[in-house]
């Protein structure tokens, strides 16, 4: 949530231009130039101020995931999800509701992808999977209404599902 404002300069040949970006908190009528990172509206030269929502416009990075094959359930794989780190707060502090989309496939066939969407837990068991089969898994953060913000997918993480009562 470290907002960066970009714009194109005018097409004219003016040489010495100075740009100033200001924002206004929705709760006040005053403009600010401090480093406070909040929802605001940014003015653009010669036009109407665009709407800008920090929570909606933020690109949410991929979560970190670890995979564990759990004993007691043949073929089961547990996915442990760690939220991406934001610059100004934790993900759960910034958004009141955080969900996850999980996709997984047999390492031999990425065309046949299974999905579990809008999972609310950070520890998820995928089962029943075929035992003694290598699966690859990706997870992304999903922020539901009113933001409808979908994050980036994690890197593939792969693990072999177990055939016996062991943990790896």
Protein backbone atom coordinates (compact mmCIF):
# COMPACT_ATOMS: atom_id res chain seq x y z
CA UNK A 1 0.00 0.00 0.00
CA UNK A 2 2.75 2.38 -0.94
CA UNK A 3 0.88 4.46 -3.54
CA UNK A 4 2.86 5.81 -6.47
CA UNK A 5 1.20 8.47 -8.63
CA UNK A 6 2.31 8.66 -12.28
CA UNK A 7 1.21 10.89 -15.15
CA UNK A 8 2.23 12.02 -18.62
CA UNK A 9 3.63 15.52 -19.06
CA UNK A 10 2.03 18.07 -21.38
CA UNK A 11 2.77 17.82 -25.08
CA UNK A 12 3.94 21.43 -25.24
CA UNK A 13 7.61 22.43 -25.16
CA UNK A 14 7.51 24.08 -21.73
CA UNK A 15 10.88 23.64 -20.03
CA UNK A 16 10.65 24.49 -16.36
CA UNK A 17 7.64 22.66 -15.02
CA UNK A 18 7.00 21.84 -11.39
CA UNK A 19 4.55 19.11 -10.43
CA UNK A 20 2.87 18.90 -7.04
CA UNK A 21 0.70 15.98 -5.96
CA UNK A 22 -1.73 16.60 -3.14
CA UNK A 23 -4.43 14.48 -1.59
CA UNK A 24 -7.42 15.13 0.55
CA UNK A 25 -8.68 12.75 3.22
CA UNK A 26 -12.35 12.06 2.65
CA UNK A 27 -13.08 13.28 6.20
CA UNK A 28 -11.59 16.80 5.72
CA UNK A 29 -11.70 19.67 3.26
CA UNK A 30 -7.95 20.35 3.51
CA UNK A 31 -5.26 19.22 1.10
CA UNK A 32 -2.11 17.56 2.46
CA UNK A 33 1.37 16.99 1.10
CA UNK A 34 2.72 14.85 3.93
CA UNK A 35 3.70 11.19 3.64
CA UNK A 36 0.48 9.98 5.25
CA UNK A 37 -0.78 7.03 3.19
CA UNK A 38 -4.55 7.14 3.06
CA UNK A 39 -7.44 6.98 0.63
CA UNK A 40 -7.60 10.20 -1.35
CA UNK A 41 -8.31 11.98 -4.61
CA UNK A 42 -5.49 13.18 -6.80
CA UNK A 43 -5.93 16.29 -8.95
CA UNK A 44 -4.85 16.24 -12.54
CA UNK A 45 -4.03 19.30 -14.60
CA UNK A 46 -6.91 20.53 -16.73
CA UNK A 47 -9.44 17.97 -15.64
CA UNK A 48 -11.64 16.47 -13.00
CA UNK A 49 -9.91 14.70 -10.07
CA UNK A 50 -9.87 10.93 -10.60
CA UNK A 51 -11.24 8.66 -7.88
CA UNK A 52 -8.50 6.74 -6.16
CA UNK A 53 -9.06 4.10 -3.51
CA UNK A 54 -5.86 2.87 -1.90
CA UNK A 55 -7.45 -0.44 -0.87
CA UNK A 56 -8.96 -1.11 -4.29
CA UNK A 57 -5.98 0.01 -6.39
CA UNK A 58 -3.28 -1.75 -4.37
CA UNK A 59 -1.63 -4.69 -6.14
CA UNK A 60 -1.53 -7.45 -3.54
CA UNK A 61 1.59 -9.56 -3.86
CA UNK A 62 1.65 -13.34 -3.70
CA UNK A 63 1.37 -15.14 -0.37
CA UNK A 64 4.08 -17.51 0.82
CA UNK A 65 3.02 -21.13 1.05
CA UNK A 66 4.45 -24.26 2.61
CA UNK A 67 3.18 -27.74 1.91
CA UNK A 68 3.00 -30.64 4.33
CA UNK A 69 1.89 -34.19 3.64
CA UNK A 70 0.02 -35.27 6.73
CA UNK A 71 -0.10 -38.78 8.09
CA UNK A 72 -3.45 -40.30 8.89
CA UNK A 73 -5.05 -39.40 5.57
CA UNK A 74 -3.60 -41.18 2.57
CA UNK A 75 -2.98 -38.74 -0.26
CA UNK A 76 -3.78 -35.58 1.76
CA UNK A 77 -1.68 -32.42 1.45
CA UNK A 78 -1.88 -29.46 3.85
CA UNK A 79 -1.33 -25.95 2.48
CA UNK A 80 -0.08 -23.35 4.99
CA UNK A 81 -0.59 -19.77 3.79
CA UNK A 82 1.34 -16.72 4.99
CA UNK A 83 -0.11 -13.38 3.93
CA UNK A 84 2.07 -11.00 1.90
CA UNK A 85 3.62 -8.14 3.86
CA UNK A 86 2.25 -4.64 3.27
CA UNK A 87 4.21 -1.46 3.92
CA UNK A 88 1.74 0.28 6.24
CA UNK A 89 -0.08 -2.52 8.11
CA UNK A 90 -0.83 -6.21 8.06
CA UNK A 91 -3.16 -7.54 5.40
CA UNK A 92 -5.80 -8.43 8.01
CA UNK A 93 -5.62 -4.91 9.49
CA UNK A 94 -5.97 -3.25 6.08
CA UNK A 95 -8.87 -5.41 4.91
CA UNK A 96 -11.63 -6.65 7.17
CA UNK A 97 -12.07 -9.89 5.20
CA UNK A 98 -9.32 -11.89 3.49
CA UNK A 99 -9.94 -15.01 1.42
CA UNK A 100 -7.76 -17.29 -0.72
CA UNK A 101 -8.04 -18.99 -4.09
CA UNK A 102 -6.11 -22.26 -4.35
CA UNK A 103 -5.35 -24.08 -7.57
CA UNK A 104 -3.54 -27.39 -7.82
CA UNK A 105 -2.71 -29.99 -10.42
CA UNK A 106 -0.78 -33.19 -10.95
CA UNK A 107 2.78 -32.26 -11.84
CA UNK A 108 2.43 -34.28 -15.05
CA UNK A 109 -0.65 -32.41 -16.33
CA UNK A 110 -1.13 -28.66 -15.77
CA UNK A 111 -4.11 -28.68 -18.14
CA UNK A 112 -6.31 -30.45 -15.56
CA UNK A 113 -6.35 -27.83 -12.78
CA UNK A 114 -8.47 -28.18 -9.65
CA UNK A 115 -9.62 -25.08 -7.79
CA UNK A 116 -10.84 -24.18 -4.32
CA UNK A 117 -12.08 -20.63 -4.26
CA UNK A 118 -12.79 -18.17 -1.47
CA UNK A 119 -11.22 -20.24 1.30
CA UNK A 120 -11.07 -18.33 4.60
CA UNK A 121 -8.58 -20.50 6.53
CA UNK A 122 -4.79 -20.12 6.31
CA UNK A 123 -4.28 -23.86 6.84
CA UNK A 124 -6.13 -25.92 4.24
CA UNK A 125 -6.17 -29.68 3.66
CA UNK A 126 -6.48 -30.81 0.07
CA UNK A 127 -7.95 -34.30 -0.09
CA UNK A 128 -8.64 -36.82 -1.38
CA UNK A 129 -5.66 -36.68 -3.71
CA UNK A 130 -4.17 -39.66 -5.46
CA UNK A 131 -1.52 -41.23 -3.22
CA UNK A 132 2.13 -41.25 -4.30
CA UNK A 133 1.47 -38.51 -6.86
CA UNK A 134 3.34 -35.22 -7.21
CA UNK A 135 1.03 -32.19 -6.98
CA UNK A 136 1.83 -28.53 -7.59
CA UNK A 137 -0.09 -25.78 -5.83
CA UNK A 138 -0.52 -22.00 -6.13
CA UNK A 139 -2.44 -19.61 -3.88
CA UNK A 140 -3.63 -16.04 -4.34
CA UNK A 141 -5.24 -13.58 -1.94
CA UNK A 142 -8.78 -12.46 -2.71
CA UNK A 143 -10.38 -9.44 -1.02
CA UNK A 144 -14.19 -9.63 -1.39
CA UNK A 145 -16.73 -6.81 -1.62
CA UNK A 146 -16.56 -3.87 -1.66
CA UNK A 147 -13.00 -3.99 -3.05
CA UNK A 148 -13.04 -7.14 -5.22
CA UNK A 149 -9.25 -7.12 -5.30
CA UNK A 150 -7.47 -10.25 -6.53
CA UNK A 151 -3.79 -10.63 -5.68
CA UNK A 152 -0.94 -12.26 -7.55
CA UNK A 153 -0.52 -16.04 -7.47
CA UNK A 154 2.30 -17.56 -5.44
CA UNK A 155 5.09 -19.45 -7.16
CA UNK A 156 4.37 -23.12 -7.81
CA UNK A 157 5.10 -25.31 -4.80
CA UNK A 158 5.16 -29.06 -5.40
CA UNK A 159 5.00 -32.06 -3.08
CA UNK A 160 4.50 -35.82 -3.32
CA UNK A 161 1.30 -37.07 -1.69
CA UNK A 162 1.87 -39.96 0.73
CA UNK A 163 0.84 -43.57 0.56
CA UNK A 164 1.44 -44.35 4.24
CA UNK A 165 0.84 -42.74 7.63
CA UNK A 166 3.83 -40.36 7.61
CA UNK A 167 4.49 -36.62 7.76
CA UNK A 168 6.99 -34.77 5.53
